[in-house]
Every structure is written in C-alpha cells, then in structure tokens.
Amino acid sequence: MKIPIVKEWGSWAVLFTSCAAGLIAGLKSLPAQTGREYSLMTVLTIMGLTLLINAKNPLAAVIRSKGTKKEHLLWFSFFITAGLLLLIPFLREGLKEFWFFLFLVVSYTLMLLMGKEHHLVAELNGFAMLTLSAPVVYFAVTGQMSWQVYSAVTVFFAGGVFKVRVRLKKSIFYRWLMVLYCLGAVLIYSAMNIPVILLLPLAENIVTVLRMQEEKLKTTGYTELAKGLVFILLIALFWPSPFSAV
C-alpha cells in the first residue's frame, strides 16, 4: 500500500523550519523558569502538524479523482484523525487562541476545489498555513500566542513565493513586486518590533531581480533552503528574550 506522503520537499522545509523558529523563540523565553512542562506537548504538537500536512495529498486526490475515492478518503480521514489526536494537549490550551486560523484551511480548500492550487494567492495561503506551525509550537513551549513569531516567519517565507514567481515569469512586474515586497517586509518588522536583521537572507532576492541570470528551479529550491537555515540561525542569535534589558 502506497502512503500518500507530500512530495514537495520545499513544503517540508518550510514546515520544519517554522517549527524550529517557534521552538527557538519559545525556549528563549525560558519556560522552565515558570515551571511549565512543555517537552511532551511540543513533541506531540510537531508530530500532529506533520500528519495534518500529509492530509493535503489525499484531499486533492478526492477533489480531482473521477473514479473511486474510497482509498483517498480513508487516507485523508487517517491523517486528520491521527493528527488531531496528537494535537489534543495543544488544543486543550490553545484552541481559543487559534480557532480563527481555520479560515486559512477553508479558503485553501475552496481554491483547491476551484482548481487554483498554483494561483499566487493560493500559494501564499498555503505558506501561511505552513508557517502557522511557528506560533503553534511557540504556544506549546510557552503557553502564549505570539503574533510577532507568526508575522516574522510568514513574512520571511512568503518572500520565497515571490522569488519563484520571478524565476518563472521573468517579467518586470514580478521583479518590481519582489523589490516592493522586501521593502514592505522591513516596514512590517519595524512596526512589530521584530529584529530587522532576520530579513538579511532576503537580500539575495534583491540581487536575483537585479541580475536575473538563468537558474534551474532546483537550484532556487536549494538556495531558499539555505536561506531558511540562515534565518533560523539569526533567530537563535537575535530573537529578543522577554528577560533581556529594554
């Protein structure tokens, strides 16, 4: 029996990098000093998120398949049920803080139904769901919802969506859109008191639109992965601790 695992390794990279960002930011708040037991909940939460992400493939197969849908429905039910079971400890505490993010799931599902999975808005929606793992893991560690964590991770990784668009379209419009997005990212970070230095890897996006040399999408993927790892390192170095001096 073939397990319908999501094969887009870029999605896994964003998911686990977002989890790492939430974990590091959470640990920098020193949750052990508050007596919070977070280890088991954090592990179960990451496992649950991993299973929920895998529900995308069977869901898409149910929508697209013109033949029997039973196997796809069974896999979809398994991933959703198993993922939610693992998330029970998190949901007990965090459901009231995160329930409104269901609109991301609903809107993405609607775009799948309309066959617009690769539309720019759908891709941004998908990344917003993947990066939601950052504040979810942060909450598992600290017991608190952080819009700073969510905004920092989402704004950073959304830059990758525009980067791929620039590579595919090669148009002046998308090149300017990439530049404006990077400038907007700086403004968002500044407005939310997020260290702007975390956006340093996005400088490569600006270089890309200025040089516009031919490059394979696989190379672009590896570049984005490397930038994600640098982003995590920068979070480890510069994410502010609530106990640091103001």
C-alpha atoms as a PDB file:
ATOM      1  CA  MET A   1       0.000   0.000   0.000  1.00  0.00           C
ATOM      2  CA  LYS A   2       1.451   3.353  -1.054  1.00  0.00           C
ATOM      3  CA  ILE A   3       1.290   6.050   1.608  1.00  0.00           C
ATOM      4  CA  PRO A   4       0.365   9.432   0.027  1.00  0.00           C
ATOM      5  CA  ILE A   5       3.141  11.492   1.598  1.00  0.00           C
ATOM      6  CA  VAL A   6       3.542  15.086   0.421  1.00  0.00           C
ATOM      7  CA  LYS A   7       6.465  15.021  -2.008  1.00  0.00           C
ATOM      8  CA  GLU A   8       7.102  18.756  -2.225  1.00  0.00           C
ATOM      9  CA  TRP A   9      10.250  18.877  -0.095  1.00  0.00           C
ATOM     10  CA  GLY A  10      10.005  22.670  -0.063  1.00  0.00           C
ATOM     11  CA  SER A  11       6.797  22.370   1.962  1.00  0.00           C
ATOM     12  CA  TRP A  12       8.554  20.137   4.489  1.00  0.00           C
ATOM     13  CA  ALA A  13      11.456  22.571   4.671  1.00  0.00           C
ATOM     14  CA  VAL A  14       9.100  25.465   5.458  1.00  0.00           C
ATOM     15  CA  LEU A  15       7.146  23.385   7.995  1.00  0.00           C
ATOM     16  CA  PHE A  16      10.141  22.173   9.975  1.00  0.00           C
ATOM     17  CA  THR A  17      11.978  25.494   9.719  1.00  0.00           C
ATOM     18  CA  SER A  18       8.864  27.209  11.074  1.00  0.00           C
ATOM     19  CA  CYS A  19       8.668  24.653  13.879  1.00  0.00           C
ATOM     20  CA  ALA A  20      12.328  25.298  14.677  1.00  0.00           C
ATOM     21  CA  ALA A  21      11.725  29.058  14.701  1.00  0.00           C
ATOM     22  CA  GLY A  22       8.818  28.688  17.122  1.00  0.00           C
ATOM     23  CA  LEU A  23      10.814  26.312  19.307  1.00  0.00           C
ATOM     24  CA  ILE A  24      13.884  28.549  19.489  1.00  0.00           C
ATOM     25  CA  ALA A  25      11.867  31.705  20.160  1.00  0.00           C
ATOM     26  CA  GLY A  26       9.898  29.816  22.812  1.00  0.00           C
ATOM     27  CA  LEU A  27      12.993  28.472  24.550  1.00  0.00           C
ATOM     28  CA  LYS A  28      14.487  31.969  24.636  1.00  0.00           C
ATOM     29  CA  SER A  29      11.562  32.948  26.875  1.00  0.00           C
ATOM     30  CA  LEU A  30      12.976  30.452  29.431  1.00  0.00           C
ATOM     31  CA  PRO A  31       9.737  28.495  30.032  1.00  0.00           C
ATOM     32  CA  ALA A  32      11.469  26.230  32.556  1.00  0.00           C
ATOM     33  CA  GLN A  33      11.687  29.191  34.945  1.00  0.00           C
ATOM     34  CA  THR A  34       7.886  29.351  35.019  1.00  0.00           C
ATOM     35  CA  GLY A  35       7.641  25.649  35.817  1.00  0.00           C
ATOM     36  CA  ARG A  36       5.882  24.854  32.541  1.00  0.00           C
ATOM     37  CA  GLU A  37       6.121  21.235  31.373  1.00  0.00           C
ATOM     38  CA  TYR A  38       6.394  21.704  27.640  1.00  0.00           C
ATOM     39  CA  SER A  39       8.539  18.871  26.248  1.00  0.00           C
ATOM     40  CA  LEU A  40       5.858  16.228  25.628  1.00  0.00           C
ATOM     41  CA  MET A  41       3.296  18.703  24.315  1.00  0.00           C
ATOM     42  CA  THR A  42       5.873  20.175  21.927  1.00  0.00           C
ATOM     43  CA  VAL A  43       6.852  16.774  20.515  1.00  0.00           C
ATOM     44  CA  LEU A  44       3.207  15.691  20.119  1.00  0.00           C
ATOM     45  CA  THR A  45       2.336  19.029  18.510  1.00  0.00           C
ATOM     46  CA  ILE A  46       5.074  18.769  15.874  1.00  0.00           C
ATOM     47  CA  MET A  47       4.074  15.160  15.128  1.00  0.00           C
ATOM     48  CA  GLY A  48       0.431  16.171  14.824  1.00  0.00           C
ATOM     49  CA  LEU A  49       1.226  19.040  12.462  1.00  0.00           C
ATOM     50  CA  THR A  50       3.287  16.678  10.308  1.00  0.00           C
ATOM     51  CA  LEU A  51       0.334  14.327   9.895  1.00  0.00           C
ATOM     52  CA  LEU A  52      -2.098  17.141   9.158  1.00  0.00           C
ATOM     53  CA  ILE A  53       0.146  18.443   6.362  1.00  0.00           C
ATOM     54  CA  ASN A  54       0.003  14.993   4.765  1.00  0.00           C
ATOM     55  CA  ALA A  55      -3.794  15.288   4.541  1.00  0.00           C
ATOM     56  CA  LYS A  56      -3.349  17.656   1.595  1.00  0.00           C
ATOM     57  CA  ASN A  57      -2.495  14.970  -0.989  1.00  0.00           C
ATOM     58  CA  PRO A  58      -5.484  12.670  -0.373  1.00  0.00           C
ATOM     59  CA  LEU A  59      -7.771  15.717  -0.180  1.00  0.00           C
ATOM     60  CA  ALA A  60      -6.513  16.923  -3.563  1.00  0.00           C
ATOM     61  CA  ALA A  61      -6.920  13.388  -4.926  1.00  0.00           C
ATOM     62  CA  VAL A  62     -10.540  13.269  -3.714  1.00  0.00           C
ATOM     63  CA  ILE A  63     -11.252  16.548  -5.492  1.00  0.00           C
ATOM     64  CA  ARG A  64      -9.549  15.587  -8.756  1.00  0.00           C
ATOM     65  CA  SER A  65     -10.316  11.873  -8.989  1.00  0.00           C
ATOM     66  CA  LYS A  66     -13.106  10.866 -11.368  1.00  0.00           C
ATOM     67  CA  GLY A  67     -13.029   7.236 -10.282  1.00  0.00           C
ATOM     68  CA  THR A  68     -13.217   5.629  -6.851  1.00  0.00           C
ATOM     69  CA  LYS A  69     -12.440   7.966  -3.983  1.00  0.00           C
ATOM     70  CA  LYS A  70     -12.590   5.450  -1.128  1.00  0.00           C
ATOM     71  CA  GLU A  71      -8.838   4.990  -0.652  1.00  0.00           C
ATOM     72  CA  HIS A  72      -8.186   8.730  -0.821  1.00  0.00           C
ATOM     73  CA  LEU A  73     -10.961   9.391   1.713  1.00  0.00           C
ATOM     74  CA  LEU A  74      -9.540   6.750   4.061  1.00  0.00           C
ATOM     75  CA  TRP A  75      -6.064   8.276   3.955  1.00  0.00           C
ATOM     76  CA  PHE A  76      -7.491  11.766   4.420  1.00  0.00           C
ATOM     77  CA  SER A  77      -9.510  10.596   7.427  1.00  0.00           C
ATOM     78  CA  PHE A  78      -6.471   8.835   8.891  1.00  0.00           C
ATOM     79  CA  PHE A  79      -4.162  11.834   8.641  1.00  0.00           C
ATOM     80  CA  ILE A  80      -6.772  14.248  10.005  1.00  0.00           C
ATOM     81  CA  THR A  81      -7.839  11.958  12.868  1.00  0.00           C
ATOM     82  CA  ALA A  82      -4.326  10.912  13.903  1.00  0.00           C
ATOM     83  CA  GLY A  83      -3.050  14.480  13.631  1.00  0.00           C
ATOM     84  CA  LEU A  84      -5.865  15.901  15.762  1.00  0.00           C
ATOM     85  CA  LEU A  85      -5.418  13.179  18.380  1.00  0.00           C
ATOM     86  CA  LEU A  86      -1.771  14.091  18.760  1.00  0.00           C
ATOM     87  CA  LEU A  87      -2.744  17.756  18.984  1.00  0.00           C
ATOM     88  CA  ILE A  88      -5.206  17.218  21.845  1.00  0.00           C
ATOM     89  CA  PRO A  89      -2.824  18.541  24.549  1.00  0.00           C
ATOM     90  CA  PHE A  90      -2.211  21.673  22.471  1.00  0.00           C
ATOM     91  CA  LEU A  91      -5.893  22.107  21.567  1.00  0.00           C
ATOM     92  CA  ARG A  92      -6.951  21.943  25.213  1.00  0.00           C
ATOM     93  CA  GLU A  93      -4.963  25.076  25.908  1.00  0.00           C
ATOM     94  CA  GLY A  94      -4.694  26.803  22.582  1.00  0.00           C
ATOM     95  CA  LEU A  95      -7.951  26.268  20.680  1.00  0.00           C
ATOM     96  CA  LYS A  96      -9.428  29.569  21.868  1.00  0.00           C
ATOM     97  CA  GLU A  97      -6.294  31.363  20.651  1.00  0.00           C
ATOM     98  CA  PHE A  98      -6.041  29.702  17.236  1.00  0.00           C
ATOM     99  CA  TRP A  99      -9.563  28.765  16.107  1.00  0.00           C
ATOM    100  CA  PHE A 100      -9.872  31.776  13.765  1.00  0.00           C
ATOM    101  CA  PHE A 101      -6.974  30.430  11.670  1.00  0.00           C
ATOM    102  CA  LEU A 102      -9.454  27.875  10.335  1.00  0.00           C
ATOM    103  CA  PHE A 103     -10.267  30.440   7.639  1.00  0.00           C
ATOM    104  CA  LEU A 104      -6.864  29.623   6.090  1.00  0.00           C
ATOM    105  CA  VAL A 105      -7.845  25.956   5.822  1.00  0.00           C
ATOM    106  CA  VAL A 106     -11.294  26.788   4.433  1.00  0.00           C
ATOM    107  CA  SER A 107     -10.004  29.296   1.873  1.00  0.00           C
ATOM    108  CA  TYR A 108      -7.230  26.952   0.699  1.00  0.00           C
ATOM    109  CA  THR A 109      -9.712  24.087   0.335  1.00  0.00           C
ATOM    110  CA  LEU A 110     -12.010  26.323  -1.718  1.00  0.00           C
ATOM    111  CA  MET A 111      -9.134  27.209  -4.043  1.00  0.00           C
ATOM    112  CA  LEU A 112      -8.345  23.512  -4.441  1.00  0.00           C
ATOM    113  CA  LEU A 113     -11.983  22.923  -5.382  1.00  0.00           C
ATOM    114  CA  MET A 114     -11.753  25.695  -7.971  1.00  0.00           C
ATOM    115  CA  GLY A 115      -8.549  24.237  -9.418  1.00  0.00           C
ATOM    116  CA  LYS A 116      -6.475  27.269  -8.418  1.00  0.00           C
ATOM    117  CA  GLU A 117      -3.881  25.468  -6.313  1.00  0.00           C
ATOM    118  CA  HIS A 118      -0.995  27.193  -8.125  1.00  0.00           C
ATOM    119  CA  HIS A 119      -2.510  30.670  -8.117  1.00  0.00           C
ATOM    120  CA  LEU A 120      -0.345  33.223  -6.303  1.00  0.00           C
ATOM    121  CA  VAL A 121      -2.997  33.802  -3.632  1.00  0.00           C
ATOM    122  CA  ALA A 122      -3.360  30.040  -3.078  1.00  0.00           C
ATOM    123  CA  GLU A 123       0.402  29.613  -2.696  1.00  0.00           C
ATOM    124  CA  LEU A 124       0.586  32.469  -0.194  1.00  0.00           C
ATOM    125  CA  ASN A 125      -2.366  30.914   1.640  1.00  0.00           C
ATOM    126  CA  GLY A 126      -0.556  27.570   1.721  1.00  0.00           C
ATOM    127  CA  PHE A 127       2.599  29.164   3.113  1.00  0.00           C
ATOM    128  CA  ALA A 128       0.516  30.980   5.743  1.00  0.00           C
ATOM    129  CA  MET A 129      -0.778  27.575   6.876  1.00  0.00           C
ATOM    130  CA  LEU A 130       2.689  26.021   6.940  1.00  0.00           C
ATOM    131  CA  THR A 131       4.188  28.905   8.898  1.00  0.00           C
ATOM    132  CA  LEU A 132       1.317  28.753  11.389  1.00  0.00           C
ATOM    133  CA  SER A 133       3.343  25.902  12.895  1.00  0.00           C
ATOM    134  CA  ALA A 134       5.736  28.543  14.307  1.00  0.00           C
ATOM    135  CA  PRO A 135       3.283  30.200  16.739  1.00  0.00           C
ATOM    136  CA  VAL A 136       1.670  26.810  17.426  1.00  0.00           C
ATOM    137  CA  VAL A 137       4.995  25.347  18.583  1.00  0.00           C
ATOM    138  CA  TYR A 138       5.792  28.605  20.404  1.00  0.00           C
ATOM    139  CA  PHE A 139       2.479  28.232  22.250  1.00  0.00           C
ATOM    140  CA  ALA A 140       3.261  24.602  23.121  1.00  0.00           C
ATOM    141  CA  VAL A 141       6.510  25.773  24.700  1.00  0.00           C
ATOM    142  CA  THR A 142       5.325  28.966  26.410  1.00  0.00           C
ATOM    143  CA  GLY A 143       1.538  28.767  26.716  1.00  0.00           C
ATOM    144  CA  GLN A 144       1.259  32.079  24.866  1.00  0.00           C
ATOM    145  CA  MET A 145       0.241  33.108  21.352  1.00  0.00           C
ATOM    146  CA  SER A 146       2.815  35.332  19.615  1.00  0.00           C
ATOM    147  CA  TRP A 147       1.835  37.415  16.599  1.00  0.00           C
ATOM    148  CA  GLN A 148       5.450  38.512  16.407  1.00  0.00           C
ATOM    149  CA  VAL A 149       6.599  34.929  15.817  1.00  0.00           C
ATOM    150  CA  TYR A 150       3.879  34.275  13.238  1.00  0.00           C
ATOM    151  CA  SER A 151       4.479  37.533  11.383  1.00  0.00           C
ATOM    152  CA  ALA A 152       8.266  37.132  11.389  1.00  0.00           C
ATOM    153  CA  VAL A 153       8.158  33.620   9.925  1.00  0.00           C
ATOM    154  CA  THR A 154       5.293  34.176   7.484  1.00  0.00           C
ATOM    155  CA  VAL A 155       6.659  37.423   6.066  1.00  0.00           C
ATOM    156  CA  PHE A 156      10.097  35.846   5.602  1.00  0.00           C
ATOM    157  CA  PHE A 157       8.942  32.685   3.837  1.00  0.00           C
ATOM    158  CA  ALA A 158       6.376  34.463   1.669  1.00  0.00           C
ATOM    159  CA  GLY A 159       9.392  36.054   0.015  1.00  0.00           C
ATOM    160  CA  GLY A 160      10.175  32.616  -1.398  1.00  0.00           C
ATOM    161  CA  VAL A 161       6.812  32.547  -3.191  1.00  0.00           C
ATOM    162  CA  PHE A 162       7.615  35.804  -4.982  1.00  0.00           C
ATOM    163  CA  LYS A 163      11.147  34.575  -5.698  1.00  0.00           C
ATOM    164  CA  VAL A 164       9.817  31.523  -7.550  1.00  0.00           C
ATOM    165  CA  ARG A 165       7.325  33.718  -9.437  1.00  0.00           C
ATOM    166  CA  VAL A 166      10.160  35.930 -10.596  1.00  0.00           C
ATOM    167  CA  ARG A 167      12.048  32.864 -11.830  1.00  0.00           C
ATOM    168  CA  LEU A 168       9.028  31.519 -13.701  1.00  0.00           C
ATOM    169  CA  LYS A 169       7.602  34.740 -15.142  1.00  0.00           C
ATOM    170  CA  LYS A 170      10.783  36.827 -15.567  1.00  0.00           C
ATOM    171  CA  SER A 171       8.592  39.892 -16.031  1.00  0.00           C
ATOM    172  CA  ILE A 172       9.263  43.470 -14.961  1.00  0.00           C
ATOM    173  CA  PHE A 173       6.037  43.392 -12.932  1.00  0.00           C
ATOM    174  CA  TYR A 174       7.134  40.496 -10.731  1.00  0.00           C
ATOM    175  CA  ARG A 175      10.656  41.878 -10.404  1.00  0.00           C
ATOM    176  CA  TRP A 176       9.291  45.151  -9.058  1.00  0.00           C
ATOM    177  CA  LEU A 177       6.794  43.271  -6.918  1.00  0.00           C
ATOM    178  CA  MET A 178       9.693  41.362  -5.358  1.00  0.00           C
ATOM    179  CA  VAL A 179      11.551  44.571  -4.537  1.00  0.00           C
ATOM    180  CA  LEU A 180       8.427  46.209  -3.080  1.00  0.00           C
ATOM    181  CA  TYR A 181       7.714  43.111  -1.031  1.00  0.00           C
ATOM    182  CA  CYS A 182      11.188  43.128   0.511  1.00  0.00           C
ATOM    183  CA  LEU A 183      10.807  46.816   1.387  1.00  0.00           C
ATOM    184  CA  GLY A 184       7.367  46.113   2.839  1.00  0.00           C
ATOM    185  CA  ALA A 185       8.821  43.278   4.909  1.00  0.00           C
ATOM    186  CA  VAL A 186      11.264  45.701   6.521  1.00  0.00           C
ATOM    187  CA  LEU A 187       8.394  48.054   7.377  1.00  0.00           C
ATOM    188  CA  ILE A 188       6.316  45.243   8.885  1.00  0.00           C
ATOM    189  CA  TYR A 189       9.221  44.016  11.001  1.00  0.00           C
ATOM    190  CA  SER A 190       9.938  47.537  12.205  1.00  0.00           C
ATOM    191  CA  ALA A 191       6.293  48.213  13.057  1.00  0.00           C
ATOM    192  CA  MET A 192       6.065  44.984  15.075  1.00  0.00           C
ATOM    193  CA  ASN A 193       9.405  45.437  16.863  1.00  0.00           C
ATOM    194  CA  ILE A 194      10.882  42.356  15.200  1.00  0.00           C
ATOM    195  CA  PRO A 195      14.667  42.481  14.635  1.00  0.00           C
ATOM    196  CA  VAL A 196      15.071  43.563  11.008  1.00  0.00           C
ATOM    197  CA  ILE A 197      18.371  41.697  10.782  1.00  0.00           C
ATOM    198  CA  LEU A 198      16.333  38.483  10.499  1.00  0.00           C
ATOM    199  CA  LEU A 199      15.482  39.598   6.953  1.00  0.00           C
ATOM    200  CA  LEU A 200      19.128  39.630   5.902  1.00  0.00           C
ATOM    201  CA  PRO A 201      18.721  36.493   3.701  1.00  0.00           C
ATOM    202  CA  LEU A 202      16.106  38.364   1.622  1.00  0.00           C
ATOM    203  CA  ALA A 203      18.940  40.489   0.275  1.00  0.00           C
ATOM    204  CA  GLU A 204      19.525  37.569  -2.104  1.00  0.00           C
ATOM    205  CA  ASN A 205      16.039  38.197  -3.531  1.00  0.00           C
ATOM    206  CA  ILE A 206      17.025  41.738  -4.460  1.00  0.00           C
ATOM    207  CA  VAL A 207      20.254  40.515  -6.048  1.00  0.00           C
ATOM    208  CA  THR A 208      18.223  37.994  -8.046  1.00  0.00           C
ATOM    209  CA  VAL A 209      15.892  40.569  -9.593  1.00  0.00           C
ATOM    210  CA  LEU A 210      18.811  42.860 -10.412  1.00  0.00           C
ATOM    211  CA  ARG A 211      20.943  40.200 -12.105  1.00  0.00           C
ATOM    212  CA  MET A 212      18.228  37.852 -13.431  1.00  0.00           C
ATOM    213  CA  GLN A 213      20.554  35.102 -14.588  1.00  0.00           C
ATOM    214  CA  GLU A 214      19.215  31.760 -15.777  1.00  0.00           C
ATOM    215  CA  GLU A 215      18.869  29.267 -12.955  1.00  0.00           C
ATOM    216  CA  LYS A 216      17.197  25.876 -12.546  1.00  0.00           C
ATOM    217  CA  LEU A 217      14.257  25.738 -10.152  1.00  0.00           C
ATOM    218  CA  LYS A 218      16.078  23.006  -8.224  1.00  0.00           C
ATOM    219  CA  THR A 219      18.927  25.446  -7.617  1.00  0.00           C
ATOM    220  CA  THR A 220      16.406  28.049  -6.480  1.00  0.00           C
ATOM    221  CA  GLY A 221      14.981  25.481  -4.068  1.00  0.00           C
ATOM    222  CA  TYR A 222      18.375  24.750  -2.553  1.00  0.00           C
ATOM    223  CA  THR A 223      19.041  28.471  -2.240  1.00  0.00           C
ATOM    224  CA  GLU A 224      15.752  29.010  -0.403  1.00  0.00           C
ATOM    225  CA  LEU A 225      16.574  26.088   1.917  1.00  0.00           C
ATOM    226  CA  ALA A 226      19.958  27.628   2.738  1.00  0.00           C
ATOM    227  CA  LYS A 227      18.283  30.986   3.412  1.00  0.00           C
ATOM    228  CA  GLY A 228      15.825  29.272   5.746  1.00  0.00           C
ATOM    229  CA  LEU A 229      18.689  27.757   7.740  1.00  0.00           C
ATOM    230  CA  VAL A 230      20.383  31.164   7.980  1.00  0.00           C
ATOM    231  CA  PHE A 231      17.037  32.600   9.142  1.00  0.00           C
ATOM    232  CA  ILE A 232      16.904  30.050  11.965  1.00  0.00           C
ATOM    233  CA  LEU A 233      20.468  30.901  12.975  1.00  0.00           C
ATOM    234  CA  LEU A 234      19.588  34.603  13.046  1.00  0.00           C
ATOM    235  CA  ILE A 235      16.565  33.879  15.245  1.00  0.00           C
ATOM    236  CA  ALA A 236      18.805  31.959  17.642  1.00  0.00           C
ATOM    237  CA  LEU A 237      21.177  34.926  17.775  1.00  0.00           C
ATOM    238  CA  PHE A 238      18.875  37.933  17.692  1.00  0.00           C
ATOM    239  CA  TRP A 239      15.345  36.975  18.779  1.00  0.00           C
ATOM    240  CA  PRO A 240      14.707  39.074  21.885  1.00  0.00           C
ATOM    241  CA  SER A 241      14.208  37.384  25.227  1.00  0.00           C
ATOM    242  CA  PRO A 242      11.461  38.889  27.413  1.00  0.00           C
ATOM    243  CA  PHE A 243      14.045  38.908  30.199  1.00  0.00           C
ATOM    244  CA  SER A 244      16.564  40.977  28.243  1.00  0.00           C
ATOM    245  CA  ALA A 245      17.063  44.571  29.143  1.00  0.00           C
ATOM    246  CA  VAL A 246      14.808  47.038  27.371  1.00  0.00           C
END
